[in-house]
N, C-alpha and C. Protein backbone atom coordinates (compact mmCIF):
# COMPACT_ATOMS: atom_id res chain seq x y z
N MET A 1 39.36 314.95 254.68
CA MET A 1 38.53 315.13 253.50
C MET A 1 39.00 314.18 252.39
N VAL A 2 38.07 313.52 251.77
CA VAL A 2 38.37 312.56 250.71
C VAL A 2 38.66 313.33 249.42
N LYS A 3 39.74 312.95 248.77
CA LYS A 3 40.11 313.58 247.50
C LYS A 3 39.24 313.04 246.37
N SER A 4 38.89 313.91 245.45
CA SER A 4 38.17 313.46 244.26
C SER A 4 39.18 312.80 243.32
N TRP A 5 38.67 312.09 242.32
CA TRP A 5 39.55 311.49 241.32
C TRP A 5 40.30 312.59 240.56
N THR A 6 39.66 313.71 240.34
CA THR A 6 40.30 314.83 239.65
C THR A 6 41.45 315.37 240.50
N ASP A 7 41.25 315.46 241.80
CA ASP A 7 42.34 315.89 242.70
C ASP A 7 43.51 314.92 242.60
N LYS A 8 43.21 313.63 242.60
CA LYS A 8 44.27 312.62 242.50
C LYS A 8 45.02 312.74 241.17
N LEU A 9 44.28 313.01 240.09
CA LEU A 9 44.91 313.17 238.77
C LEU A 9 45.89 314.33 238.77
N HIS A 10 45.53 315.41 239.43
CA HIS A 10 46.35 316.62 239.41
C HIS A 10 47.27 316.75 240.62
N ALA A 11 47.48 315.68 241.36
CA ALA A 11 48.38 315.71 242.50
C ALA A 11 49.79 316.12 242.05
N ALA A 12 50.52 316.67 242.96
CA ALA A 12 51.86 317.19 242.64
C ALA A 12 52.93 316.10 242.66
N ASP A 13 52.56 314.90 242.35
CA ASP A 13 53.52 313.79 242.32
C ASP A 13 54.55 314.02 241.21
N GLU A 14 55.72 313.46 241.43
CA GLU A 14 56.78 313.50 240.42
C GLU A 14 57.08 312.07 239.98
N PRO A 15 57.39 311.88 238.69
CA PRO A 15 57.77 310.53 238.25
C PRO A 15 59.10 310.14 238.89
N LYS A 16 59.29 308.86 239.02
CA LYS A 16 60.53 308.35 239.61
C LYS A 16 61.13 307.30 238.69
N LEU A 17 62.43 307.32 238.57
CA LEU A 17 63.17 306.26 237.88
C LEU A 17 63.95 305.52 238.96
N ARG A 18 63.75 304.21 239.01
CA ARG A 18 64.48 303.43 240.01
C ARG A 18 64.67 302.01 239.47
N PRO A 19 65.68 301.32 239.95
CA PRO A 19 65.86 299.94 239.53
C PRO A 19 64.72 299.08 240.07
N SER A 20 64.25 298.17 239.26
CA SER A 20 63.19 297.27 239.70
C SER A 20 63.72 296.41 240.84
N PRO A 21 62.96 296.30 241.93
CA PRO A 21 63.42 295.52 243.07
C PRO A 21 63.36 294.01 242.86
N ARG A 22 62.59 293.60 241.85
CA ARG A 22 62.46 292.16 241.57
C ARG A 22 61.98 291.96 240.14
N THR A 23 62.02 290.73 239.68
CA THR A 23 61.49 290.39 238.38
C THR A 23 59.99 290.11 238.54
N PHE A 24 59.19 290.82 237.76
CA PHE A 24 57.75 290.59 237.76
C PHE A 24 57.18 291.14 236.48
N SER A 25 56.02 290.63 236.11
CA SER A 25 55.37 291.02 234.86
C SER A 25 56.40 290.90 233.74
N ASP A 26 56.65 291.97 232.99
CA ASP A 26 57.63 291.93 231.92
C ASP A 26 58.88 292.72 232.30
N ILE A 27 59.14 292.85 233.60
CA ILE A 27 60.26 293.64 234.11
C ILE A 27 61.27 292.71 234.76
N VAL A 28 62.54 292.97 234.47
CA VAL A 28 63.63 292.17 235.04
C VAL A 28 64.25 292.92 236.21
N GLU A 29 64.52 292.21 237.27
CA GLU A 29 65.14 292.82 238.45
C GLU A 29 66.36 293.64 238.03
N GLY A 30 66.44 294.86 238.54
CA GLY A 30 67.56 295.74 238.25
C GLY A 30 67.35 296.66 237.06
N ASP A 31 66.40 296.35 236.19
CA ASP A 31 66.10 297.25 235.06
C ASP A 31 65.61 298.59 235.59
N MET A 32 65.98 299.67 234.90
CA MET A 32 65.47 300.98 235.28
C MET A 32 63.98 301.02 234.95
N MET A 33 63.20 301.32 235.96
CA MET A 33 61.75 301.28 235.83
C MET A 33 61.19 302.67 236.15
N LEU A 34 60.28 303.12 235.30
CA LEU A 34 59.57 304.37 235.54
C LEU A 34 58.39 304.09 236.47
N VAL A 35 58.29 304.86 237.52
CA VAL A 35 57.09 304.87 238.36
C VAL A 35 56.37 306.15 237.93
N PRO A 36 55.34 306.00 237.09
CA PRO A 36 54.73 307.17 236.47
C PRO A 36 53.77 307.91 237.39
N THR A 37 53.41 309.09 236.96
CA THR A 37 52.35 309.84 237.63
C THR A 37 51.06 309.66 236.84
N ALA A 38 49.96 309.99 237.47
CA ALA A 38 48.67 309.91 236.78
C ALA A 38 48.65 310.87 235.58
N ARG A 39 49.27 312.03 235.74
CA ARG A 39 49.30 313.00 234.63
C ARG A 39 50.05 312.46 233.42
N GLN A 40 51.11 311.68 233.64
CA GLN A 40 51.84 311.09 232.52
C GLN A 40 50.98 310.07 231.79
N VAL A 41 50.25 309.26 232.53
CA VAL A 41 49.36 308.28 231.91
C VAL A 41 48.27 309.01 231.14
N ASP A 42 47.72 310.06 231.72
CA ASP A 42 46.69 310.88 231.07
C ASP A 42 47.22 311.47 229.75
N GLU A 43 48.43 311.97 229.77
CA GLU A 43 49.02 312.60 228.57
C GLU A 43 49.12 311.61 227.41
N ILE A 44 49.58 310.41 227.69
CA ILE A 44 49.69 309.38 226.64
C ILE A 44 48.30 309.03 226.11
N MET A 45 47.33 308.87 227.02
CA MET A 45 45.99 308.48 226.60
C MET A 45 45.32 309.58 225.77
N ARG A 46 45.55 310.82 226.10
CA ARG A 46 44.96 311.93 225.35
C ARG A 46 45.49 312.00 223.91
N ALA A 47 46.67 311.46 223.68
CA ALA A 47 47.28 311.51 222.35
C ALA A 47 46.80 310.41 221.41
N ILE A 48 46.02 309.48 221.90
CA ILE A 48 45.53 308.37 221.07
C ILE A 48 44.40 308.90 220.18
N PRO A 49 44.55 308.82 218.87
CA PRO A 49 43.51 309.36 217.98
C PRO A 49 42.20 308.55 218.03
N ALA A 50 41.12 309.23 217.72
CA ALA A 50 39.81 308.58 217.66
C ALA A 50 39.87 307.40 216.70
N GLY A 51 39.17 306.32 217.05
CA GLY A 51 39.13 305.14 216.20
C GLY A 51 40.35 304.25 216.33
N THR A 52 41.25 304.60 217.25
CA THR A 52 42.49 303.84 217.47
C THR A 52 42.52 303.38 218.92
N SER A 53 43.00 302.18 219.14
CA SER A 53 43.13 301.71 220.51
C SER A 53 44.59 301.38 220.79
N MET A 54 44.91 301.27 222.07
CA MET A 54 46.26 300.94 222.51
C MET A 54 46.12 300.02 223.71
N ASP A 55 46.87 298.96 223.74
CA ASP A 55 46.80 298.10 224.92
C ASP A 55 47.69 298.68 226.03
N VAL A 56 47.48 298.20 227.23
CA VAL A 56 48.19 298.73 228.39
C VAL A 56 49.69 298.50 228.26
N ARG A 57 50.09 297.37 227.75
CA ARG A 57 51.52 297.08 227.61
C ARG A 57 52.19 298.09 226.67
N THR A 58 51.52 298.44 225.59
CA THR A 58 52.07 299.43 224.66
C THR A 58 52.14 300.80 225.32
N LEU A 59 51.12 301.15 226.07
CA LEU A 59 51.13 302.42 226.81
C LEU A 59 52.32 302.46 227.76
N ARG A 60 52.54 301.38 228.49
CA ARG A 60 53.68 301.31 229.41
C ARG A 60 55.00 301.42 228.67
N ARG A 61 55.09 300.77 227.52
CA ARG A 61 56.32 300.83 226.72
C ARG A 61 56.60 302.26 226.26
N GLN A 62 55.55 302.95 225.79
CA GLN A 62 55.72 304.33 225.33
C GLN A 62 56.18 305.24 226.46
N LEU A 63 55.59 305.08 227.63
CA LEU A 63 56.01 305.87 228.78
C LEU A 63 57.47 305.61 229.12
N ALA A 64 57.87 304.35 229.13
CA ALA A 64 59.25 304.00 229.46
C ALA A 64 60.21 304.63 228.45
N LEU A 65 59.94 304.49 227.17
CA LEU A 65 60.81 305.05 226.14
C LEU A 65 60.92 306.56 226.26
N LYS A 66 59.80 307.21 226.50
CA LYS A 66 59.77 308.67 226.61
C LYS A 66 60.62 309.17 227.78
N HIS A 67 60.75 308.35 228.82
CA HIS A 67 61.44 308.78 230.02
C HIS A 67 62.76 308.04 230.27
N GLY A 68 63.26 307.35 229.25
CA GLY A 68 64.57 306.71 229.33
C GLY A 68 64.65 305.52 230.27
N ALA A 69 63.55 304.83 230.43
CA ALA A 69 63.51 303.65 231.30
C ALA A 69 63.38 302.39 230.45
N ALA A 70 63.72 301.26 231.04
CA ALA A 70 63.56 299.98 230.35
C ALA A 70 62.11 299.52 230.41
N ALA A 71 61.39 299.97 231.44
CA ALA A 71 60.00 299.53 231.63
C ALA A 71 59.26 300.55 232.49
N THR A 72 57.94 300.39 232.54
CA THR A 72 57.09 301.21 233.40
C THR A 72 56.39 300.28 234.38
N CYS A 73 56.32 300.70 235.61
CA CYS A 73 55.71 299.88 236.66
C CYS A 73 54.25 299.54 236.31
N PRO A 74 53.93 298.26 236.20
CA PRO A 74 52.56 297.89 235.86
C PRO A 74 51.56 298.18 236.98
N LEU A 75 52.00 298.14 238.23
CA LEU A 75 51.08 298.40 239.35
C LEU A 75 50.65 299.87 239.37
N TYR A 76 51.62 300.77 239.32
CA TYR A 76 51.28 302.19 239.32
C TYR A 76 50.51 302.57 238.05
N THR A 77 50.86 301.96 236.94
CA THR A 77 50.12 302.24 235.71
C THR A 77 48.66 301.86 235.89
N GLY A 78 48.40 300.71 236.48
CA GLY A 78 47.03 300.27 236.72
C GLY A 78 46.27 301.23 237.63
N TYR A 79 46.92 301.67 238.72
CA TYR A 79 46.28 302.64 239.60
C TYR A 79 45.91 303.91 238.83
N HIS A 80 46.86 304.37 238.02
CA HIS A 80 46.66 305.63 237.32
C HIS A 80 45.66 305.50 236.16
N LEU A 81 45.57 304.34 235.55
CA LEU A 81 44.53 304.15 234.52
C LEU A 81 43.16 304.39 235.14
N ARG A 82 42.97 303.86 236.33
CA ARG A 82 41.68 304.06 236.99
C ARG A 82 41.48 305.53 237.35
N THR A 83 42.51 306.16 237.88
CA THR A 83 42.41 307.57 238.23
C THR A 83 42.02 308.42 237.03
N VAL A 84 42.68 308.18 235.90
CA VAL A 84 42.38 308.94 234.67
C VAL A 84 40.93 308.72 234.25
N ALA A 85 40.50 307.47 234.22
CA ALA A 85 39.13 307.15 233.80
C ALA A 85 38.10 307.76 234.75
N GLU A 86 38.31 307.63 236.04
CA GLU A 86 37.36 308.16 237.02
C GLU A 86 37.32 309.69 236.97
N ALA A 87 38.48 310.34 236.79
CA ALA A 87 38.51 311.81 236.69
C ALA A 87 37.80 312.27 235.43
N ALA A 88 37.98 311.55 234.34
CA ALA A 88 37.30 311.91 233.09
C ALA A 88 35.79 311.78 233.26
N HIS A 89 35.37 310.72 233.91
CA HIS A 89 33.93 310.52 234.12
C HIS A 89 33.38 311.59 235.06
N GLU A 90 34.15 311.98 236.08
CA GLU A 90 33.73 313.08 236.95
C GLU A 90 33.50 314.35 236.12
N ALA A 91 34.42 314.62 235.20
CA ALA A 91 34.30 315.81 234.35
C ALA A 91 33.02 315.75 233.52
N LEU A 92 32.71 314.57 232.98
CA LEU A 92 31.46 314.40 232.23
C LEU A 92 30.25 314.71 233.11
N GLU A 93 30.27 314.19 234.31
CA GLU A 93 29.16 314.41 235.24
C GLU A 93 29.01 315.89 235.61
N GLN A 94 30.11 316.64 235.49
CA GLN A 94 30.08 318.07 235.81
C GLN A 94 29.82 318.93 234.58
N GLY A 95 29.50 318.28 233.45
CA GLY A 95 29.10 319.02 232.27
C GLY A 95 30.11 319.11 231.14
N ALA A 96 31.26 318.49 231.27
CA ALA A 96 32.24 318.50 230.18
C ALA A 96 31.68 317.71 229.00
N ARG A 97 32.10 318.10 227.81
CA ARG A 97 31.72 317.36 226.60
C ARG A 97 32.65 316.15 226.46
N LEU A 98 32.17 315.14 225.77
CA LEU A 98 32.94 313.92 225.55
C LEU A 98 34.30 314.23 224.89
N ASP A 99 34.33 315.16 223.96
CA ASP A 99 35.59 315.48 223.28
C ASP A 99 36.54 316.31 224.13
N GLU A 100 36.13 316.66 225.35
CA GLU A 100 36.99 317.42 226.26
C GLU A 100 37.66 316.55 227.31
N ILE A 101 37.27 315.30 227.40
CA ILE A 101 37.82 314.42 228.43
C ILE A 101 38.85 313.47 227.81
N THR A 102 39.63 312.86 228.66
CA THR A 102 40.60 311.86 228.21
C THR A 102 39.86 310.62 227.71
N PRO A 103 40.17 310.17 226.49
CA PRO A 103 39.47 309.02 225.91
C PRO A 103 40.00 307.69 226.46
N PHE A 104 39.75 307.45 227.72
CA PHE A 104 40.28 306.27 228.40
C PHE A 104 39.80 304.96 227.79
N TRP A 105 38.67 304.96 227.11
CA TRP A 105 38.12 303.76 226.48
C TRP A 105 38.99 303.28 225.32
N ARG A 106 39.93 304.09 224.89
CA ARG A 106 40.85 303.67 223.83
C ARG A 106 41.96 302.78 224.38
N VAL A 107 42.07 302.70 225.70
CA VAL A 107 43.02 301.80 226.36
C VAL A 107 42.27 300.73 227.15
N LEU A 108 41.27 301.13 227.90
CA LEU A 108 40.51 300.17 228.70
C LEU A 108 39.49 299.46 227.82
N ASP A 109 39.42 298.16 227.98
CA ASP A 109 38.39 297.37 227.29
C ASP A 109 37.82 296.39 228.29
N GLU A 110 36.97 295.51 227.83
CA GLU A 110 36.31 294.59 228.75
C GLU A 110 37.27 293.60 229.41
N ALA A 111 38.43 293.34 228.77
CA ALA A 111 39.39 292.40 229.32
C ALA A 111 40.37 293.05 230.30
N THR A 112 40.44 294.37 230.32
CA THR A 112 41.36 295.07 231.21
C THR A 112 40.80 295.04 232.63
N PRO A 113 41.57 294.51 233.60
CA PRO A 113 41.05 294.41 234.97
C PRO A 113 40.54 295.74 235.54
N THR A 114 41.18 296.83 235.18
CA THR A 114 40.78 298.15 235.68
C THR A 114 39.33 298.46 235.33
N THR A 115 38.88 298.04 234.17
CA THR A 115 37.52 298.34 233.72
C THR A 115 36.49 297.82 234.71
N GLY A 116 36.72 296.65 235.26
CA GLY A 116 35.79 296.07 236.22
C GLY A 116 35.75 296.80 237.55
N ARG A 117 36.73 297.65 237.82
CA ARG A 117 36.79 298.39 239.08
C ARG A 117 36.19 299.79 238.99
N LEU A 118 35.82 300.22 237.81
CA LEU A 118 35.31 301.58 237.64
C LEU A 118 33.99 301.77 238.39
N THR A 119 33.87 302.87 239.09
CA THR A 119 32.67 303.11 239.88
C THR A 119 31.43 303.27 239.01
N PHE A 120 31.61 303.68 237.76
CA PHE A 120 30.48 303.90 236.87
C PHE A 120 30.21 302.70 235.97
N GLY A 121 30.93 301.60 236.18
CA GLY A 121 30.69 300.36 235.44
C GLY A 121 31.35 300.31 234.08
N ALA A 122 31.31 299.13 233.49
CA ALA A 122 31.97 298.88 232.21
C ALA A 122 31.11 299.28 231.01
N GLY A 123 29.83 299.52 231.22
CA GLY A 123 28.92 299.83 230.11
C GLY A 123 29.35 301.05 229.30
N PHE A 124 29.81 302.09 229.98
CA PHE A 124 30.25 303.30 229.29
C PHE A 124 31.45 303.00 228.39
N VAL A 125 32.40 302.22 228.89
CA VAL A 125 33.58 301.84 228.11
C VAL A 125 33.14 301.06 226.87
N HIS A 126 32.27 300.09 227.07
CA HIS A 126 31.78 299.28 225.95
C HIS A 126 31.07 300.15 224.91
N GLN A 127 30.23 301.05 225.35
CA GLN A 127 29.49 301.92 224.43
C GLN A 127 30.44 302.82 223.63
N GLN A 128 31.42 303.42 224.30
CA GLN A 128 32.34 304.31 223.59
C GLN A 128 33.22 303.54 222.60
N ARG A 129 33.65 302.35 222.98
CA ARG A 129 34.46 301.53 222.07
C ARG A 129 33.64 301.16 220.83
N ARG A 130 32.39 300.79 221.06
CA ARG A 130 31.52 300.43 219.95
C ARG A 130 31.30 301.63 219.02
N GLU A 131 31.07 302.82 219.60
CA GLU A 131 30.83 304.01 218.79
C GLU A 131 32.05 304.40 217.96
N GLU A 132 33.25 304.08 218.45
CA GLU A 132 34.47 304.38 217.70
C GLU A 132 34.92 303.22 216.82
N GLY A 133 34.18 302.13 216.85
CA GLY A 133 34.54 300.98 216.02
C GLY A 133 35.74 300.21 216.54
N LEU A 134 35.95 300.25 217.86
CA LEU A 134 37.07 299.54 218.47
C LEU A 134 36.63 298.16 218.92
N PRO A 135 37.55 297.19 218.89
CA PRO A 135 37.18 295.84 219.34
C PRO A 135 36.98 295.81 220.85
N ASP A 136 36.16 294.87 221.32
CA ASP A 136 35.93 294.72 222.77
C ASP A 136 36.99 293.88 223.40
């Protein structure tokens, strides 16, 4: 049976702290790196106030600081950004109000690669950013 995005968001995964196996992105080999869960990414995104945006690098930095790591894995963060956005959109489709879902559009914008992978397209992200007065 295929898991829904909401199932993936609420999976019983645990965060992991481990040394980075190599230097990549903004991470240096050997630095303690957080491998986050989707719920951790969701929690940070839910805390972003309306009319405010945060880039992915800042989100990763906040997660790392909160969990005592030097960095947060950019690959897992990218996977989880999509999971959070898709789960939020599923909730909308099931009747949730906009103010009840995670405001993923405050992190995802037209330049974020994850936005192009969303099953519901980038139009929703663009519309929500415009309505909140956020840059594209």
